[in-house]
């Protein structure tokens, strides 16, 4: 009596799935696909990677506020007292974390400034809405790309500060302790 080996069936299914994923991604092929060493991956792992790429390519760009059901709409900061801001901020940060959004470099901002940043910049920002998000969206609240002064002043290590000064030839801002120590949810390591 012939008993099929289930592992062989899974191998064939994985190879067929791999071919289908590669066909679907072919029109979207760019240098990011070419930079991946598929020989270092199992077919199953490669399929997971290709599936995530395909999902990324097909995912809609929507405002972060619309990632929530119902849509996350906050009151304007000018309409709220400091106590109301603090309460809403805690709730909102938890809601963002539940959607796998973490806020980085926030301890230089007071509660009203952070709430305003969420209200004005984060919630209306168009980002890819993935059905199966495997990683966290990190929101840089220090605007490192636009103005490194805050990051250098409050968050950069001595090595990072030295490297930045050496690369740019610019004077470093004085190091300061961030004035608002808060413990926000982080992405798991």
C-alpha atoms as a PDB file:
ATOM      1  CA  UNK A   1       0.000   0.000   0.000  1.00  0.00           C
ATOM      2  CA  UNK A   2       1.312   3.438  -1.006  1.00  0.00           C
ATOM      3  CA  UNK A   3       1.286   6.120   1.718  1.00  0.00           C
ATOM      4  CA  UNK A   4       2.160   9.568   0.408  1.00  0.00           C
ATOM      5  CA  UNK A   5       4.785  11.520   2.299  1.00  0.00           C
ATOM      6  CA  UNK A   6       3.044  14.724   3.540  1.00  0.00           C
ATOM      7  CA  UNK A   7       6.337  16.632   3.656  1.00  0.00           C
ATOM      8  CA  UNK A   8       6.769  16.119  -0.106  1.00  0.00           C
ATOM      9  CA  UNK A   9       3.255  17.471  -0.681  1.00  0.00           C
ATOM     10  CA  UNK A  10       4.109  20.579   1.382  1.00  0.00           C
ATOM     11  CA  UNK A  11       7.351  21.071  -0.561  1.00  0.00           C
ATOM     12  CA  UNK A  12       5.490  20.951  -3.870  1.00  0.00           C
ATOM     13  CA  UNK A  13       2.795  23.316  -2.561  1.00  0.00           C
ATOM     14  CA  UNK A  14       5.485  25.727  -1.365  1.00  0.00           C
ATOM     15  CA  UNK A  15       7.226  25.666  -4.747  1.00  0.00           C
ATOM     16  CA  UNK A  16       3.944  26.229  -6.592  1.00  0.00           C
ATOM     17  CA  UNK A  17       3.062  29.084  -4.231  1.00  0.00           C
ATOM     18  CA  UNK A  18       6.537  30.544  -4.770  1.00  0.00           C
ATOM     19  CA  UNK A  19       6.094  30.536  -8.545  1.00  0.00           C
ATOM     20  CA  UNK A  20       2.680  32.172  -8.267  1.00  0.00           C
ATOM     21  CA  UNK A  21       4.016  34.901  -5.933  1.00  0.00           C
ATOM     22  CA  UNK A  22       6.962  35.597  -8.238  1.00  0.00           C
ATOM     23  CA  UNK A  23       4.570  35.893 -11.206  1.00  0.00           C
ATOM     24  CA  UNK A  24       2.372  38.354  -9.301  1.00  0.00           C
ATOM     25  CA  UNK A  25       5.379  40.416  -8.233  1.00  0.00           C
ATOM     26  CA  UNK A  26       7.075  40.420 -11.643  1.00  0.00           C
ATOM     27  CA  UNK A  27       5.426  43.655 -12.869  1.00  0.00           C
ATOM     28  CA  UNK A  28       6.431  45.310  -9.596  1.00  0.00           C
ATOM     29  CA  UNK A  29      10.035  44.088  -9.684  1.00  0.00           C
ATOM     30  CA  UNK A  30      12.613  46.625  -8.557  1.00  0.00           C
ATOM     31  CA  UNK A  31      16.023  46.667  -6.893  1.00  0.00           C
ATOM     32  CA  UNK A  32      14.556  45.711  -3.488  1.00  0.00           C
ATOM     33  CA  UNK A  33      13.671  42.260  -4.835  1.00  0.00           C
ATOM     34  CA  UNK A  34      17.098  41.890  -6.404  1.00  0.00           C
ATOM     35  CA  UNK A  35      18.861  42.701  -3.131  1.00  0.00           C
ATOM     36  CA  UNK A  36      17.390  39.723  -1.270  1.00  0.00           C
ATOM     37  CA  UNK A  37      19.473  36.555  -1.127  1.00  0.00           C
ATOM     38  CA  UNK A  38      16.810  33.902  -1.619  1.00  0.00           C
ATOM     39  CA  UNK A  39      19.390  31.103  -1.407  1.00  0.00           C
ATOM     40  CA  UNK A  40      19.743  31.884   2.303  1.00  0.00           C
ATOM     41  CA  UNK A  41      15.991  31.325   2.877  1.00  0.00           C
ATOM     42  CA  UNK A  42      13.849  28.261   2.913  1.00  0.00           C
ATOM     43  CA  UNK A  43      11.092  28.256   0.318  1.00  0.00           C
ATOM     44  CA  UNK A  44       8.543  28.708   3.109  1.00  0.00           C
ATOM     45  CA  UNK A  45      10.408  31.761   4.472  1.00  0.00           C
ATOM     46  CA  UNK A  46      10.851  33.179   0.972  1.00  0.00           C
ATOM     47  CA  UNK A  47       7.109  32.804   0.394  1.00  0.00           C
ATOM     48  CA  UNK A  48       6.378  34.711   3.602  1.00  0.00           C
ATOM     49  CA  UNK A  49       8.700  37.472   2.439  1.00  0.00           C
ATOM     50  CA  UNK A  50       7.169  37.606  -1.047  1.00  0.00           C
ATOM     51  CA  UNK A  51       3.644  37.612   0.444  1.00  0.00           C
ATOM     52  CA  UNK A  52       4.565  40.581   2.640  1.00  0.00           C
ATOM     53  CA  UNK A  53       5.982  42.429  -0.379  1.00  0.00           C
ATOM     54  CA  UNK A  54       2.845  41.750  -2.394  1.00  0.00           C
ATOM     55  CA  UNK A  55       0.652  42.911   0.479  1.00  0.00           C
ATOM     56  CA  UNK A  56       2.742  46.096   0.750  1.00  0.00           C
ATOM     57  CA  UNK A  57       2.386  46.808  -2.952  1.00  0.00           C
ATOM     58  CA  UNK A  58      -1.382  46.294  -2.865  1.00  0.00           C
ATOM     59  CA  UNK A  59      -2.079  48.051   0.436  1.00  0.00           C
ATOM     60  CA  UNK A  60      -4.015  51.304   0.248  1.00  0.00           C
ATOM     61  CA  UNK A  61      -2.570  54.596   1.454  1.00  0.00           C
ATOM     62  CA  UNK A  62      -5.012  56.036   3.977  1.00  0.00           C
ATOM     63  CA  UNK A  63      -4.766  58.550   6.802  1.00  0.00           C
ATOM     64  CA  UNK A  64      -3.761  56.879  10.050  1.00  0.00           C
ATOM     65  CA  UNK A  65      -6.987  58.155  11.621  1.00  0.00           C
ATOM     66  CA  UNK A  66      -8.845  55.803   9.244  1.00  0.00           C
ATOM     67  CA  UNK A  67      -6.930  52.748  10.454  1.00  0.00           C
ATOM     68  CA  UNK A  68      -9.456  52.726  13.311  1.00  0.00           C
ATOM     69  CA  UNK A  69     -13.064  51.614  13.307  1.00  0.00           C
ATOM     70  CA  UNK A  70     -14.656  54.011  13.928  1.00  0.00           C
ATOM     71  CA  UNK A  71     -12.201  56.591  12.634  1.00  0.00           C
ATOM     72  CA  UNK A  72     -10.048  58.099  15.383  1.00  0.00           C
ATOM     73  CA  UNK A  73     -11.062  61.747  15.564  1.00  0.00           C
ATOM     74  CA  UNK A  74      -9.699  63.897  18.365  1.00  0.00           C
ATOM     75  CA  UNK A  75     -10.903  67.252  19.658  1.00  0.00           C
ATOM     76  CA  UNK A  76      -8.810  70.247  18.657  1.00  0.00           C
ATOM     77  CA  UNK A  77      -6.080  70.876  21.274  1.00  0.00           C
ATOM     78  CA  UNK A  78      -7.281  74.457  21.844  1.00  0.00           C
ATOM     79  CA  UNK A  79     -10.634  73.109  23.075  1.00  0.00           C
ATOM     80  CA  UNK A  80      -9.077  71.035  25.885  1.00  0.00           C
ATOM     81  CA  UNK A  81      -7.726  71.728  29.350  1.00  0.00           C
ATOM     82  CA  UNK A  82      -4.334  70.343  30.372  1.00  0.00           C
ATOM     83  CA  UNK A  83      -6.057  67.601  32.395  1.00  0.00           C
ATOM     84  CA  UNK A  84      -8.227  66.616  29.429  1.00  0.00           C
ATOM     85  CA  UNK A  85      -5.142  66.574  27.193  1.00  0.00           C
ATOM     86  CA  UNK A  86      -3.288  64.277  29.619  1.00  0.00           C
ATOM     87  CA  UNK A  87      -6.229  61.865  29.810  1.00  0.00           C
ATOM     88  CA  UNK A  88      -6.842  61.810  26.054  1.00  0.00           C
ATOM     89  CA  UNK A  89      -3.129  61.492  25.347  1.00  0.00           C
ATOM     90  CA  UNK A  90      -2.844  58.323  27.418  1.00  0.00           C
ATOM     91  CA  UNK A  91      -5.849  56.774  25.678  1.00  0.00           C
ATOM     92  CA  UNK A  92      -4.693  57.836  22.211  1.00  0.00           C
ATOM     93  CA  UNK A  93      -1.159  56.512  22.665  1.00  0.00           C
ATOM     94  CA  UNK A  94      -2.668  53.162  23.678  1.00  0.00           C
ATOM     95  CA  UNK A  95      -4.913  53.166  20.608  1.00  0.00           C
ATOM     96  CA  UNK A  96      -1.964  53.960  18.331  1.00  0.00           C
ATOM     97  CA  UNK A  97       0.055  51.140  19.896  1.00  0.00           C
ATOM     98  CA  UNK A  98      -2.849  48.735  19.312  1.00  0.00           C
ATOM     99  CA  UNK A  99      -2.481  49.596  15.593  1.00  0.00           C
ATOM    100  CA  UNK A 100       1.275  48.920  15.910  1.00  0.00           C
ATOM    101  CA  UNK A 101       2.303  52.572  15.868  1.00  0.00           C
ATOM    102  CA  UNK A 102       4.899  53.652  18.403  1.00  0.00           C
ATOM    103  CA  UNK A 103       6.029  57.171  19.146  1.00  0.00           C
ATOM    104  CA  UNK A 104       9.793  57.642  19.403  1.00  0.00           C
ATOM    105  CA  UNK A 105      11.646  60.562  21.011  1.00  0.00           C
ATOM    106  CA  UNK A 106       8.773  62.196  22.921  1.00  0.00           C
ATOM    107  CA  UNK A 107      10.369  63.233  26.218  1.00  0.00           C
ATOM    108  CA  UNK A 108      11.236  66.741  25.029  1.00  0.00           C
ATOM    109  CA  UNK A 109       7.543  67.496  24.389  1.00  0.00           C
ATOM    110  CA  UNK A 110       5.004  68.407  27.046  1.00  0.00           C
ATOM    111  CA  UNK A 111       1.622  66.638  26.920  1.00  0.00           C
ATOM    112  CA  UNK A 112      -0.043  69.416  24.917  1.00  0.00           C
ATOM    113  CA  UNK A 113       2.775  69.474  22.358  1.00  0.00           C
ATOM    114  CA  UNK A 114       2.667  65.685  21.944  1.00  0.00           C
ATOM    115  CA  UNK A 115      -1.129  65.658  21.667  1.00  0.00           C
ATOM    116  CA  UNK A 116      -0.940  68.439  19.070  1.00  0.00           C
ATOM    117  CA  UNK A 117       1.667  66.472  17.107  1.00  0.00           C
ATOM    118  CA  UNK A 118      -0.648  63.441  17.058  1.00  0.00           C
ATOM    119  CA  UNK A 119      -3.656  65.588  16.123  1.00  0.00           C
ATOM    120  CA  UNK A 120      -1.916  67.703  13.474  1.00  0.00           C
ATOM    121  CA  UNK A 121       0.755  65.395  11.983  1.00  0.00           C
ATOM    122  CA  UNK A 122       0.222  61.730  12.803  1.00  0.00           C
ATOM    123  CA  UNK A 123      -3.505  61.089  12.431  1.00  0.00           C
ATOM    124  CA  UNK A 124      -3.847  62.869   9.049  1.00  0.00           C
ATOM    125  CA  UNK A 125      -0.649  61.280   7.677  1.00  0.00           C
ATOM    126  CA  UNK A 126      -1.212  58.907   4.753  1.00  0.00           C
ATOM    127  CA  UNK A 127       0.494  55.569   5.383  1.00  0.00           C
ATOM    128  CA  UNK A 128       0.157  52.047   4.000  1.00  0.00           C
ATOM    129  CA  UNK A 129      -2.653  50.192   5.797  1.00  0.00           C
ATOM    130  CA  UNK A 130      -1.532  46.571   5.932  1.00  0.00           C
ATOM    131  CA  UNK A 131      -3.968  43.826   6.897  1.00  0.00           C
ATOM    132  CA  UNK A 132      -1.171  41.773   8.481  1.00  0.00           C
ATOM    133  CA  UNK A 133       1.360  44.221   9.878  1.00  0.00           C
ATOM    134  CA  UNK A 134       4.370  42.231  11.085  1.00  0.00           C
ATOM    135  CA  UNK A 135       6.293  45.212  12.346  1.00  0.00           C
ATOM    136  CA  UNK A 136       5.668  48.553  13.982  1.00  0.00           C
ATOM    137  CA  UNK A 137       5.406  51.948  12.381  1.00  0.00           C
ATOM    138  CA  UNK A 138       7.807  54.190  14.306  1.00  0.00           C
ATOM    139  CA  UNK A 139       6.887  57.863  14.390  1.00  0.00           C
ATOM    140  CA  UNK A 140       9.912  60.112  14.915  1.00  0.00           C
ATOM    141  CA  UNK A 141       8.621  62.859  17.227  1.00  0.00           C
ATOM    142  CA  UNK A 142      11.995  64.625  17.209  1.00  0.00           C
ATOM    143  CA  UNK A 143      12.017  65.171  13.419  1.00  0.00           C
ATOM    144  CA  UNK A 144      15.551  63.822  13.153  1.00  0.00           C
ATOM    145  CA  UNK A 145      15.570  64.048   9.350  1.00  0.00           C
ATOM    146  CA  UNK A 146      14.363  67.639   9.223  1.00  0.00           C
ATOM    147  CA  UNK A 147      16.233  69.093  12.188  1.00  0.00           C
ATOM    148  CA  UNK A 148      18.719  66.934  14.101  1.00  0.00           C
ATOM    149  CA  UNK A 149      19.105  69.490  16.924  1.00  0.00           C
ATOM    150  CA  UNK A 150      16.469  67.919  19.211  1.00  0.00           C
ATOM    151  CA  UNK A 151      17.805  64.408  18.690  1.00  0.00           C
ATOM    152  CA  UNK A 152      21.392  65.553  19.292  1.00  0.00           C
ATOM    153  CA  UNK A 153      20.405  67.591  22.349  1.00  0.00           C
ATOM    154  CA  UNK A 154      18.243  64.978  24.100  1.00  0.00           C
ATOM    155  CA  UNK A 155      18.570  61.507  22.607  1.00  0.00           C
ATOM    156  CA  UNK A 156      21.814  60.840  20.712  1.00  0.00           C
ATOM    157  CA  UNK A 157      24.543  58.839  22.417  1.00  0.00           C
ATOM    158  CA  UNK A 158      28.005  60.340  22.827  1.00  0.00           C
ATOM    159  CA  UNK A 159      29.194  58.201  19.906  1.00  0.00           C
ATOM    160  CA  UNK A 160      26.321  59.363  17.686  1.00  0.00           C
ATOM    161  CA  UNK A 161      26.964  62.996  18.622  1.00  0.00           C
ATOM    162  CA  UNK A 162      30.683  62.659  17.856  1.00  0.00           C
ATOM    163  CA  UNK A 163      29.993  60.930  14.536  1.00  0.00           C
ATOM    164  CA  UNK A 164      27.478  63.631  13.537  1.00  0.00           C
ATOM    165  CA  UNK A 165      29.921  66.436  14.421  1.00  0.00           C
ATOM    166  CA  UNK A 166      32.701  64.716  12.484  1.00  0.00           C
ATOM    167  CA  UNK A 167      30.514  64.128   9.402  1.00  0.00           C
ATOM    168  CA  UNK A 168      28.936  67.579   9.272  1.00  0.00           C
ATOM    169  CA  UNK A 169      31.667  69.769  10.746  1.00  0.00           C
ATOM    170  CA  UNK A 170      28.928  71.606  12.642  1.00  0.00           C
ATOM    171  CA  UNK A 171      28.910  72.527  16.318  1.00  0.00           C
ATOM    172  CA  UNK A 172      26.963  70.220  18.606  1.00  0.00           C
ATOM    173  CA  UNK A 173      24.122  71.612  20.713  1.00  0.00           C
ATOM    174  CA  UNK A 174      24.610  71.193  24.460  1.00  0.00           C
ATOM    175  CA  UNK A 175      23.402  67.876  25.860  1.00  0.00           C
ATOM    176  CA  UNK A 176      20.277  68.171  27.999  1.00  0.00           C
ATOM    177  CA  UNK A 177      18.073  65.798  29.944  1.00  0.00           C
ATOM    178  CA  UNK A 178      14.612  65.619  28.349  1.00  0.00           C
ATOM    179  CA  UNK A 179      12.213  67.528  30.629  1.00  0.00           C
ATOM    180  CA  UNK A 180       9.241  65.140  30.359  1.00  0.00           C
ATOM    181  CA  UNK A 181      10.034  61.577  31.352  1.00  0.00           C
ATOM    182  CA  UNK A 182       7.250  59.339  30.107  1.00  0.00           C
ATOM    183  CA  UNK A 183       6.959  55.623  29.622  1.00  0.00           C
ATOM    184  CA  UNK A 184       5.140  55.032  26.351  1.00  0.00           C
ATOM    185  CA  UNK A 185       4.447  51.581  24.901  1.00  0.00           C
ATOM    186  CA  UNK A 186       7.345  50.297  22.804  1.00  0.00           C
ATOM    187  CA  UNK A 187       7.621  47.851  19.967  1.00  0.00           C
ATOM    188  CA  UNK A 188       8.567  44.388  21.206  1.00  0.00           C
ATOM    189  CA  UNK A 189      12.181  43.418  20.634  1.00  0.00           C
END
